[in-house]
N, C-alpha and C. Protein backbone atom coordinates (compact mmCIF):
# COMPACT_ATOMS: atom_id res chain seq x y z
N MET A 1 0.90 -1.13 0.03
CA MET A 1 0.10 0.03 0.10
C MET A 1 0.97 1.17 0.00
N THR A 2 0.60 2.12 -0.88
CA THR A 2 1.29 3.50 -0.85
C THR A 2 0.31 4.55 -0.51
N VAL A 3 0.66 5.41 0.28
CA VAL A 3 -0.28 6.47 0.74
C VAL A 3 0.53 7.78 0.65
N THR A 4 0.03 8.78 0.08
CA THR A 4 0.66 10.07 -0.16
C THR A 4 0.22 10.86 1.03
N LYS A 5 1.01 12.05 1.22
CA LYS A 5 0.83 12.84 2.32
C LYS A 5 -0.58 13.55 2.06
N ALA A 6 -0.96 13.80 0.83
CA ALA A 6 -2.39 14.30 0.47
C ALA A 6 -3.46 13.32 1.02
N GLU A 7 -3.22 12.06 0.82
CA GLU A 7 -4.18 11.15 1.11
C GLU A 7 -4.34 10.99 2.71
N LEU A 8 -3.20 11.14 3.34
CA LEU A 8 -3.24 11.16 4.82
C LEU A 8 -4.04 12.26 5.38
N ALA A 9 -3.79 13.47 4.77
CA ALA A 9 -4.62 14.70 5.09
C ALA A 9 -5.97 14.53 4.81
N GLU A 10 -6.25 13.88 3.75
CA GLU A 10 -7.65 13.56 3.35
C GLU A 10 -8.46 12.66 4.37
N ILE A 11 -7.69 11.71 4.82
CA ILE A 11 -8.30 10.72 5.87
C ILE A 11 -8.47 11.53 7.14
N ILE A 12 -7.66 12.29 7.58
CA ILE A 12 -7.75 13.18 8.85
C ILE A 12 -9.00 14.10 8.70
N TYR A 13 -9.10 14.63 7.47
CA TYR A 13 -10.15 15.60 7.21
C TYR A 13 -11.45 14.94 7.36
N LYS A 14 -11.61 13.72 6.64
CA LYS A 14 -12.85 12.91 6.69
C LYS A 14 -13.08 12.35 8.12
N ASN A 15 -12.09 11.68 8.69
CA ASN A 15 -12.35 10.90 9.81
C ASN A 15 -12.39 11.62 11.08
N ILE A 16 -11.69 12.76 11.26
CA ILE A 16 -11.63 13.51 12.50
C ILE A 16 -12.23 14.79 12.33
N GLY A 17 -12.45 15.32 11.29
CA GLY A 17 -13.21 16.63 11.05
C GLY A 17 -12.42 18.00 10.96
N PHE A 18 -11.16 17.82 10.92
CA PHE A 18 -10.30 19.12 10.73
C PHE A 18 -10.53 19.58 9.40
N SER A 19 -10.28 20.93 9.09
CA SER A 19 -10.46 21.50 7.85
C SER A 19 -9.31 20.76 6.99
N LYS A 20 -9.40 20.76 5.84
CA LYS A 20 -8.36 20.25 4.83
C LYS A 20 -7.17 20.89 5.08
N LYS A 21 -7.11 22.37 5.21
CA LYS A 21 -5.83 23.11 5.46
C LYS A 21 -5.24 22.66 6.76
N ASP A 22 -6.03 22.47 7.78
CA ASP A 22 -5.32 22.15 9.12
C ASP A 22 -4.93 20.68 9.01
N ALA A 23 -5.68 19.69 8.30
CA ALA A 23 -5.07 18.40 8.23
C ALA A 23 -3.90 18.32 7.53
N THR A 24 -3.72 19.08 6.37
CA THR A 24 -2.51 19.16 5.49
C THR A 24 -1.33 19.65 6.47
N GLU A 25 -1.65 20.74 7.25
CA GLU A 25 -0.59 21.29 8.11
C GLU A 25 -0.22 20.24 9.13
N ILE A 26 -1.07 19.44 9.81
CA ILE A 26 -0.76 18.37 10.77
C ILE A 26 0.06 17.35 10.10
N VAL A 27 -0.29 16.89 8.77
CA VAL A 27 0.51 15.81 8.27
C VAL A 27 1.97 16.34 7.96
N ASP A 28 1.95 17.57 7.49
CA ASP A 28 3.39 18.21 7.05
C ASP A 28 4.24 18.49 8.36
N ALA A 29 3.56 18.78 9.47
CA ALA A 29 4.32 18.95 10.77
C ALA A 29 4.92 17.75 11.23
N PHE A 30 4.06 16.59 11.21
CA PHE A 30 4.33 15.34 11.57
C PHE A 30 5.68 14.83 10.94
N PHE A 31 5.69 15.01 9.60
CA PHE A 31 6.79 14.50 8.70
C PHE A 31 7.97 15.39 8.88
N ASP A 32 7.75 16.74 8.95
CA ASP A 32 9.02 17.56 9.21
C ASP A 32 9.51 17.27 10.45
N LEU A 33 8.86 16.90 11.57
CA LEU A 33 9.38 16.51 12.80
C LEU A 33 10.26 15.23 12.67
N ILE A 34 9.81 14.16 11.99
CA ILE A 34 10.47 12.93 11.79
C ILE A 34 11.82 13.43 11.06
N LYS A 35 11.78 14.06 9.91
CA LYS A 35 12.84 14.36 9.11
C LYS A 35 13.88 15.22 9.93
N GLU A 36 13.49 16.15 10.73
CA GLU A 36 14.34 16.87 11.52
C GLU A 36 15.22 16.17 12.61
N GLY A 37 14.53 15.10 13.16
CA GLY A 37 15.16 14.23 14.10
C GLY A 37 16.20 13.35 13.38
N ILE A 38 15.78 12.89 12.26
CA ILE A 38 16.67 11.93 11.52
C ILE A 38 17.97 12.66 11.10
N VAL A 39 17.74 13.97 10.42
CA VAL A 39 18.88 14.77 9.99
C VAL A 39 19.81 15.10 11.22
N ASN A 40 19.19 15.34 12.39
CA ASN A 40 20.09 15.71 13.57
C ASN A 40 20.54 14.59 14.24
N MET A 41 20.59 13.36 13.62
CA MET A 41 21.02 12.16 14.20
C MET A 41 20.39 11.70 15.52
N GLU A 42 19.10 11.93 15.61
CA GLU A 42 18.31 11.78 16.73
C GLU A 42 17.37 10.58 16.48
N LYS A 43 17.18 9.69 17.56
CA LYS A 43 16.14 8.66 17.20
C LYS A 43 14.83 9.12 17.36
N VAL A 44 13.88 8.91 16.40
CA VAL A 44 12.55 9.33 16.44
C VAL A 44 11.68 8.08 16.70
N LYS A 45 11.17 7.93 17.88
CA LYS A 45 10.31 6.76 18.22
C LYS A 45 8.96 7.08 18.28
N ILE A 46 8.12 6.28 17.60
CA ILE A 46 6.72 6.39 17.45
C ILE A 46 6.10 5.28 18.10
N LYS A 47 5.43 5.39 19.29
CA LYS A 47 5.05 4.18 20.05
C LYS A 47 3.96 3.46 19.37
N GLY A 48 4.34 2.13 19.31
CA GLY A 48 3.41 1.03 18.60
C GLY A 48 3.75 0.99 17.14
N ILE A 49 4.58 1.81 16.43
CA ILE A 49 5.04 1.80 15.20
C ILE A 49 6.47 1.39 14.93
N GLY A 50 7.37 2.07 15.57
CA GLY A 50 8.84 1.94 15.51
C GLY A 50 9.75 3.03 15.77
N THR A 51 10.97 2.72 15.28
CA THR A 51 11.91 4.06 15.48
C THR A 51 12.72 4.17 14.15
N PHE A 52 12.89 5.45 13.95
CA PHE A 52 13.58 5.82 12.70
C PHE A 52 14.84 6.57 13.29
N TYR A 53 15.95 6.42 12.67
CA TYR A 53 17.19 7.15 12.96
C TYR A 53 18.13 6.94 11.79
N ALA A 54 19.11 7.96 11.73
CA ALA A 54 20.27 7.71 10.81
C ALA A 54 21.38 7.12 11.55
N ARG A 55 22.20 6.37 10.56
CA ARG A 55 23.36 5.67 11.21
C ARG A 55 24.46 5.98 10.09
N SER A 56 25.57 6.16 10.84
CA SER A 56 26.81 6.42 9.93
C SER A 56 27.41 5.15 9.53
N LYS A 57 27.84 5.04 8.36
CA LYS A 57 28.66 3.93 7.93
C LYS A 57 29.88 4.26 7.28
N LYS A 58 31.04 3.50 7.79
CA LYS A 58 32.29 3.83 7.43
C LYS A 58 32.66 3.55 6.05
N GLU A 59 33.75 4.17 5.55
CA GLU A 59 34.20 3.71 4.08
C GLU A 59 34.59 2.19 4.20
N ARG A 60 34.28 1.59 3.17
CA ARG A 60 34.59 0.17 3.06
C ARG A 60 34.98 -0.28 1.76
N LEU A 61 35.61 -1.46 1.61
CA LEU A 61 35.96 -2.05 0.45
C LEU A 61 34.71 -2.83 -0.12
N GLY A 62 34.38 -2.64 -1.33
CA GLY A 62 33.34 -3.36 -1.96
C GLY A 62 33.70 -3.92 -3.33
N ARG A 63 32.79 -4.20 -4.24
CA ARG A 63 33.16 -4.48 -5.58
C ARG A 63 32.19 -3.97 -6.52
N ASN A 64 32.59 -3.71 -7.72
CA ASN A 64 31.74 -3.21 -8.64
C ASN A 64 30.95 -4.46 -9.40
N PRO A 65 29.76 -4.48 -9.29
CA PRO A 65 29.16 -5.79 -9.85
C PRO A 65 29.18 -5.95 -11.33
N GLN A 66 29.42 -4.79 -12.15
CA GLN A 66 29.62 -4.96 -13.60
C GLN A 66 31.04 -5.49 -13.91
N THR A 67 31.99 -5.08 -13.24
CA THR A 67 33.44 -5.42 -13.59
C THR A 67 33.99 -6.47 -12.57
N ASP A 68 33.43 -6.59 -11.45
CA ASP A 68 33.84 -7.60 -10.51
C ASP A 68 35.08 -7.05 -9.95
N LYS A 69 35.53 -5.84 -9.98
CA LYS A 69 36.77 -5.34 -9.66
C LYS A 69 36.45 -4.63 -8.08
N PRO A 70 37.53 -4.61 -7.31
CA PRO A 70 37.28 -3.98 -5.96
C PRO A 70 37.29 -2.55 -6.07
N MET A 71 36.53 -1.95 -5.20
CA MET A 71 36.42 -0.39 -5.22
C MET A 71 35.95 -0.02 -3.83
N MET A 72 36.41 1.22 -3.48
CA MET A 72 36.06 1.89 -2.11
C MET A 72 34.63 2.54 -2.13
N ILE A 73 33.82 2.00 -1.18
CA ILE A 73 32.56 2.65 -1.14
C ILE A 73 32.71 3.82 0.10
N SER A 74 32.27 4.97 -0.38
CA SER A 74 32.42 6.11 0.55
C SER A 74 31.62 5.98 1.86
N ALA A 75 32.11 6.71 2.87
CA ALA A 75 31.45 6.85 4.02
C ALA A 75 30.02 7.58 3.88
N ARG A 76 29.06 7.18 4.58
CA ARG A 76 27.69 7.90 4.36
C ARG A 76 26.79 7.68 5.49
N ARG A 77 25.74 8.34 5.50
CA ARG A 77 24.75 8.15 6.57
C ARG A 77 23.59 7.50 5.85
N VAL A 78 22.86 6.37 6.50
CA VAL A 78 21.80 5.79 5.84
C VAL A 78 20.55 6.02 7.03
N ILE A 79 19.39 5.93 6.47
CA ILE A 79 18.24 5.98 7.39
C ILE A 79 17.91 4.42 7.63
N VAL A 80 17.64 4.34 9.07
CA VAL A 80 17.19 2.96 9.51
C VAL A 80 15.87 3.06 10.20
N TYR A 81 15.04 1.94 10.01
CA TYR A 81 13.76 1.89 10.60
C TYR A 81 13.77 0.48 11.29
N ARG A 82 13.33 0.54 12.61
CA ARG A 82 13.15 -0.64 13.39
C ARG A 82 11.64 -0.62 13.89
N ALA A 83 11.10 -1.80 13.44
CA ALA A 83 9.68 -1.92 13.89
C ALA A 83 9.60 -2.05 15.42
N GLY A 84 8.45 -1.43 16.01
CA GLY A 84 8.31 -1.43 17.42
C GLY A 84 7.65 -2.90 17.78
N THR A 85 7.68 -3.27 19.12
CA THR A 85 7.32 -4.53 19.57
C THR A 85 5.71 -4.75 19.18
N SER A 86 4.89 -3.73 19.42
CA SER A 86 3.52 -3.83 19.06
C SER A 86 3.29 -4.18 17.58
N LEU A 87 4.06 -3.38 16.67
CA LEU A 87 3.90 -3.86 15.29
C LEU A 87 4.26 -5.28 14.92
N LYS A 88 5.56 -5.64 15.66
CA LYS A 88 6.04 -6.91 15.30
C LYS A 88 5.08 -8.12 15.93
N LYS A 89 4.48 -7.82 16.87
CA LYS A 89 3.37 -8.70 17.58
C LYS A 89 2.28 -8.90 16.49
N LEU A 90 1.83 -7.76 15.97
CA LEU A 90 0.70 -7.85 15.06
C LEU A 90 1.05 -8.62 13.85
N LEU A 91 2.24 -8.46 13.34
CA LEU A 91 2.79 -9.23 12.16
C LEU A 91 2.97 -10.73 12.34
N LYS A 92 3.39 -11.04 13.77
CA LYS A 92 3.60 -12.35 13.97
C LYS A 92 2.07 -13.10 14.07
N GLU A 93 1.12 -12.31 14.69
CA GLU A 93 -0.25 -12.83 14.78
C GLU A 93 -0.92 -13.09 13.36
N ASN A 94 -0.32 -12.48 12.27
CA ASN A 94 -0.79 -12.70 11.03
C ASN A 94 -2.21 -12.33 10.84
N LYS A 95 -2.79 -11.29 11.53
CA LYS A 95 -4.19 -11.01 11.44
C LYS A 95 -4.24 -9.75 10.78
N PRO A 96 -4.99 -9.58 9.72
CA PRO A 96 -5.21 -8.31 8.87
C PRO A 96 -5.98 -7.33 9.84
N ILE A 97 -5.62 -6.07 9.72
CA ILE A 97 -6.21 -4.94 10.31
C ILE A 97 -7.27 -4.35 9.65
N ALA A 98 -8.35 -4.10 10.12
CA ALA A 98 -9.34 -3.45 9.35
C ALA A 98 -9.08 -2.04 8.99
N SER A 99 -9.34 -1.77 7.76
CA SER A 99 -8.96 -0.43 7.25
C SER A 99 -9.80 0.71 7.86
N SER A 100 -9.15 1.75 8.30
CA SER A 100 -9.83 2.89 8.81
C SER A 100 -10.18 4.04 7.69
N LYS A 101 -9.87 3.68 6.43
CA LYS A 101 -9.94 4.49 5.44
C LYS A 101 -11.59 4.74 5.22
N ASN A 102 -11.84 5.99 5.11
CA ASN A 102 -13.21 6.31 4.93
C ASN A 102 -13.50 6.44 3.39
N ASP A 103 -14.17 5.33 2.73
CA ASP A 103 -14.45 5.33 1.30
C ASP A 103 -15.78 6.13 1.02
N GLY A 104 -16.23 6.82 1.94
CA GLY A 104 -17.56 7.52 1.71
C GLY A 104 -18.75 6.73 1.71
N ALA A 105 -18.63 5.44 2.12
CA ALA A 105 -19.90 4.50 2.02
C ALA A 105 -20.63 4.74 3.23
């Protein structure tokens, strides 16, 4: 499932009753908070969902898959996501969750 920020704002608008403008601002503020934390090398924990954070990787020796020749892979930061315990439990139970999406029905 892919959900855009606009679709999230629409769900907030329909299900909670905020105006479309307010719902869009809420979604933007939420994602800005996550991005800010990650960029500042902070862990962003969302209870019941998981933790987002950036991790630094050192320079290392790798190989070019086209030529099979060794090459240095530069140091960089990567984004890591670790699922929370509640989410892992739901996945383990293998029970589908009812959609809260308001289809207008």
